[in-house]
Each structure stands twice: as structure tokens, then as C-alpha cells.
N, C-alpha and C. Protein backbone atom coordinates (compact mmCIF):
# COMPACT_ATOMS: atom_id res chain seq x y z
N MET A 1 -21.37 17.75 -59.07
CA MET A 1 -22.34 16.75 -58.65
C MET A 1 -21.96 15.41 -59.29
N SER A 2 -21.80 14.39 -58.48
CA SER A 2 -21.41 13.07 -58.99
C SER A 2 -22.64 12.23 -59.28
N LYS A 3 -22.46 11.33 -60.21
CA LYS A 3 -23.56 10.43 -60.56
C LYS A 3 -23.56 9.24 -59.61
N MET A 4 -24.74 8.87 -59.19
CA MET A 4 -24.89 7.72 -58.31
C MET A 4 -25.12 6.47 -59.16
N GLN A 5 -24.47 5.41 -58.81
CA GLN A 5 -24.66 4.15 -59.50
C GLN A 5 -25.02 3.08 -58.49
N PHE A 6 -25.81 2.14 -58.91
CA PHE A 6 -26.12 1.00 -58.05
C PHE A 6 -26.23 -0.24 -58.92
N LYS A 7 -26.00 -1.35 -58.29
CA LYS A 7 -26.10 -2.63 -58.98
C LYS A 7 -27.26 -3.40 -58.37
N LEU A 8 -28.18 -3.82 -59.20
CA LEU A 8 -29.35 -4.54 -58.76
C LEU A 8 -29.00 -5.99 -58.44
N ASN A 9 -29.44 -6.45 -57.30
CA ASN A 9 -29.22 -7.84 -56.89
C ASN A 9 -30.34 -8.69 -57.49
N SER A 10 -30.09 -9.30 -58.65
CA SER A 10 -31.14 -10.01 -59.36
C SER A 10 -31.68 -11.21 -58.60
N SER A 11 -30.86 -11.90 -57.87
CA SER A 11 -31.38 -13.04 -57.12
C SER A 11 -32.28 -12.55 -55.98
N GLY A 12 -31.96 -11.42 -55.39
CA GLY A 12 -32.80 -10.85 -54.34
C GLY A 12 -34.14 -10.38 -54.88
N VAL A 13 -34.13 -9.74 -56.04
CA VAL A 13 -35.37 -9.29 -56.67
C VAL A 13 -36.22 -10.50 -57.05
N SER A 14 -35.59 -11.53 -57.58
CA SER A 14 -36.32 -12.74 -57.96
C SER A 14 -36.98 -13.38 -56.75
N SER A 15 -36.26 -13.48 -55.64
CA SER A 15 -36.86 -14.07 -54.43
C SER A 15 -37.96 -13.19 -53.87
N LEU A 16 -37.84 -11.87 -54.00
CA LEU A 16 -38.90 -10.97 -53.55
C LEU A 16 -40.16 -11.15 -54.38
N LEU A 17 -40.03 -11.29 -55.69
CA LEU A 17 -41.19 -11.44 -56.57
C LEU A 17 -41.91 -12.77 -56.36
N LYS A 18 -41.22 -13.76 -55.79
CA LYS A 18 -41.82 -15.07 -55.53
C LYS A 18 -42.21 -15.26 -54.07
N SER A 19 -41.95 -14.30 -53.22
CA SER A 19 -42.09 -14.44 -51.78
C SER A 19 -43.55 -14.55 -51.33
N ALA A 20 -43.72 -15.03 -50.11
CA ALA A 20 -45.06 -15.15 -49.51
C ALA A 20 -45.69 -13.77 -49.33
N GLU A 21 -44.89 -12.76 -49.04
CA GLU A 21 -45.41 -11.41 -48.89
C GLU A 21 -46.02 -10.91 -50.20
N MET A 22 -45.32 -11.17 -51.31
CA MET A 22 -45.85 -10.76 -52.61
C MET A 22 -47.12 -11.54 -52.94
N GLN A 23 -47.16 -12.81 -52.58
CA GLN A 23 -48.36 -13.61 -52.81
C GLN A 23 -49.54 -13.08 -52.00
N ASN A 24 -49.28 -12.59 -50.78
CA ASN A 24 -50.35 -11.99 -49.97
C ASN A 24 -50.89 -10.72 -50.61
N VAL A 25 -50.00 -9.88 -51.13
CA VAL A 25 -50.42 -8.65 -51.79
C VAL A 25 -51.27 -8.98 -53.02
N LEU A 26 -50.81 -9.94 -53.81
CA LEU A 26 -51.55 -10.34 -55.01
C LEU A 26 -52.90 -10.95 -54.65
N SER A 27 -52.94 -11.72 -53.58
CA SER A 27 -54.19 -12.34 -53.14
C SER A 27 -55.21 -11.28 -52.74
N LYS A 28 -54.77 -10.25 -52.03
CA LYS A 28 -55.67 -9.15 -51.65
C LYS A 28 -56.21 -8.42 -52.87
N GLN A 29 -55.35 -8.16 -53.84
CA GLN A 29 -55.78 -7.47 -55.06
C GLN A 29 -56.76 -8.33 -55.86
N ALA A 30 -56.46 -9.62 -55.99
CA ALA A 30 -57.34 -10.53 -56.72
C ALA A 30 -58.69 -10.65 -56.02
N SER A 31 -58.70 -10.69 -54.70
CA SER A 31 -59.96 -10.76 -53.95
C SER A 31 -60.79 -9.52 -54.16
N ALA A 32 -60.15 -8.36 -54.17
CA ALA A 32 -60.87 -7.11 -54.39
C ALA A 32 -61.50 -7.09 -55.79
N ILE A 33 -60.76 -7.54 -56.78
CA ILE A 33 -61.29 -7.58 -58.15
C ILE A 33 -62.45 -8.56 -58.23
N LYS A 34 -62.27 -9.73 -57.64
CA LYS A 34 -63.33 -10.75 -57.66
C LYS A 34 -64.59 -10.23 -56.98
N ASN A 35 -64.44 -9.53 -55.86
CA ASN A 35 -65.60 -9.00 -55.15
C ASN A 35 -66.31 -7.92 -55.95
N ARG A 36 -65.56 -7.11 -56.71
CA ARG A 36 -66.19 -6.09 -57.55
C ARG A 36 -66.95 -6.72 -58.71
N CYS A 37 -66.54 -7.91 -59.14
CA CYS A 37 -67.20 -8.58 -60.27
C CYS A 37 -68.54 -9.19 -59.86
N GLY A 38 -68.62 -9.75 -58.69
CA GLY A 38 -69.87 -10.37 -58.24
C GLY A 38 -69.79 -11.88 -58.27
N GLU A 39 -70.96 -12.52 -58.37
CA GLU A 39 -71.07 -13.98 -58.33
C GLU A 39 -70.54 -14.61 -59.60
N GLY A 40 -70.01 -15.83 -59.47
CA GLY A 40 -69.59 -16.61 -60.62
C GLY A 40 -68.14 -16.42 -61.03
N TYR A 41 -67.36 -15.68 -60.26
CA TYR A 41 -65.96 -15.44 -60.58
C TYR A 41 -65.09 -16.14 -59.55
N GLU A 42 -63.94 -16.61 -59.98
CA GLU A 42 -63.00 -17.31 -59.10
C GLU A 42 -61.62 -16.67 -59.22
N GLN A 43 -60.75 -16.98 -58.27
CA GLN A 43 -59.38 -16.45 -58.27
C GLN A 43 -58.40 -17.54 -57.90
N ASP A 44 -57.14 -17.34 -58.27
CA ASP A 44 -56.09 -18.29 -57.94
C ASP A 44 -54.76 -17.55 -57.92
N ILE A 45 -53.83 -18.05 -57.14
CA ILE A 45 -52.47 -17.53 -57.05
C ILE A 45 -51.53 -18.68 -57.35
N PHE A 46 -50.50 -18.45 -58.14
CA PHE A 46 -49.49 -19.47 -58.37
C PHE A 46 -48.14 -18.81 -58.58
N VAL A 47 -47.09 -19.56 -58.29
CA VAL A 47 -45.74 -19.06 -58.47
C VAL A 47 -45.20 -19.64 -59.77
N GLY A 48 -44.87 -18.77 -60.69
CA GLY A 48 -44.34 -19.18 -61.98
C GLY A 48 -42.82 -19.20 -61.97
N LYS A 49 -42.25 -19.22 -63.16
CA LYS A 49 -40.80 -19.28 -63.30
C LYS A 49 -40.12 -18.02 -62.77
N ASN A 50 -40.72 -16.85 -63.02
CA ASN A 50 -40.07 -15.59 -62.66
C ASN A 50 -40.72 -14.85 -61.50
N ARG A 51 -42.01 -15.09 -61.25
CA ARG A 51 -42.72 -14.30 -60.24
C ARG A 51 -44.00 -15.00 -59.83
N ALA A 52 -44.60 -14.49 -58.76
CA ALA A 52 -45.92 -14.96 -58.34
C ALA A 52 -46.96 -14.29 -59.22
N ASN A 53 -48.03 -15.01 -59.52
CA ASN A 53 -49.08 -14.51 -60.40
C ASN A 53 -50.44 -14.71 -59.75
N ALA A 54 -51.34 -13.78 -60.00
CA ALA A 54 -52.72 -13.90 -59.55
C ALA A 54 -53.61 -13.81 -60.77
N MET A 55 -54.72 -14.55 -60.73
CA MET A 55 -55.66 -14.48 -61.84
C MET A 55 -57.09 -14.56 -61.31
N VAL A 56 -57.97 -13.87 -62.02
CA VAL A 56 -59.41 -13.91 -61.73
C VAL A 56 -60.08 -14.24 -63.05
N TRP A 57 -61.05 -15.16 -63.00
CA TRP A 57 -61.73 -15.55 -64.23
C TRP A 57 -63.20 -15.81 -63.96
N ALA A 58 -63.98 -15.73 -65.04
CA ALA A 58 -65.40 -16.03 -64.97
C ALA A 58 -65.56 -17.55 -64.98
N ASP A 59 -66.16 -18.10 -63.93
CA ASP A 59 -66.24 -19.55 -63.78
C ASP A 59 -67.59 -20.12 -64.21
N SER A 60 -68.65 -19.36 -64.07
CA SER A 60 -69.98 -19.86 -64.43
C SER A 60 -70.39 -19.34 -65.81
N TYR A 61 -71.41 -19.98 -66.37
CA TYR A 61 -71.92 -19.57 -67.68
C TYR A 61 -72.42 -18.13 -67.63
N GLN A 62 -73.18 -17.79 -66.57
CA GLN A 62 -73.73 -16.44 -66.45
C GLN A 62 -72.62 -15.40 -66.33
N ALA A 63 -71.58 -15.71 -65.58
CA ALA A 63 -70.46 -14.77 -65.41
C ALA A 63 -69.70 -14.59 -66.72
N ARG A 64 -69.50 -15.69 -67.47
CA ARG A 64 -68.82 -15.57 -68.77
C ARG A 64 -69.63 -14.72 -69.73
N LYS A 65 -70.94 -14.93 -69.75
CA LYS A 65 -71.81 -14.14 -70.63
C LYS A 65 -71.77 -12.66 -70.23
N GLU A 66 -71.88 -12.40 -68.93
CA GLU A 66 -71.84 -11.02 -68.44
C GLU A 66 -70.50 -10.35 -68.78
N ASN A 67 -69.42 -11.09 -68.63
CA ASN A 67 -68.10 -10.54 -68.93
C ASN A 67 -67.96 -10.23 -70.42
N MET A 68 -68.49 -11.11 -71.27
CA MET A 68 -68.41 -10.86 -72.71
C MET A 68 -69.23 -9.64 -73.12
N GLU A 69 -70.37 -9.44 -72.48
CA GLU A 69 -71.25 -8.32 -72.84
C GLU A 69 -70.78 -6.99 -72.24
N ASN A 70 -70.23 -7.03 -71.01
CA ASN A 70 -69.95 -5.79 -70.28
C ASN A 70 -68.48 -5.56 -69.94
N ASN A 71 -67.59 -6.47 -70.30
CA ASN A 71 -66.17 -6.36 -69.91
C ASN A 71 -66.03 -6.20 -68.40
N THR A 72 -66.72 -7.03 -67.66
CA THR A 72 -66.77 -6.92 -66.20
C THR A 72 -65.38 -7.01 -65.58
N LEU A 73 -64.58 -7.97 -66.00
CA LEU A 73 -63.25 -8.13 -65.43
C LEU A 73 -62.37 -6.93 -65.71
N LEU A 74 -62.41 -6.42 -66.91
CA LEU A 74 -61.60 -5.25 -67.27
C LEU A 74 -62.01 -4.04 -66.44
N LYS A 75 -63.30 -3.84 -66.25
CA LYS A 75 -63.78 -2.70 -65.46
C LYS A 75 -63.43 -2.87 -63.98
N ALA A 76 -63.40 -4.10 -63.49
CA ALA A 76 -63.09 -4.35 -62.08
C ALA A 76 -61.61 -4.11 -61.78
N VAL A 77 -60.76 -4.25 -62.78
CA VAL A 77 -59.32 -4.04 -62.57
C VAL A 77 -59.01 -2.55 -62.41
N ARG A 78 -59.73 -1.71 -63.07
CA ARG A 78 -59.45 -0.27 -63.02
C ARG A 78 -59.58 0.31 -61.67
């Protein structure tokens, strides 16, 4: 039995991680998390140096307080 070897195309992987398709996937996931959290949470997508990133954060005072008391964002990610 011979060993299989492959060489990863790093520029291809980099372009995939920054692609519009990846941003759509991240946007759907961030929206789902935001919806599970409730009112007062916001989301954003941005392309960084290495990959596309999504974030959800507590935007209002009530949401920040709720998140600090109940770990709402952490529970919504699970």
C-alpha cells in the first residue's frame, strides 16, 4: 500500500477563505446566532488579512447587561 501525498494550494485556500461564498456562510451563521440572542444584538462581516470574519455583539445597554448575567452570546453559539 503506497502513501498518498498532496500539496495544498495556499493561494487557493486563501482566496476561498476570503470569497463571497464564505462571507454568505458566515452571514447566515451570524444571523442565526443574533436571532437566538434576541433584541439589542448586532452583527457584522468583514474581510481581514487572512480570512472573512463574522461577529455578533450586544449593542444596547439591556443586551450587554443580559449577556454579562447569562452569557447569552456564548449560549447562542452552541
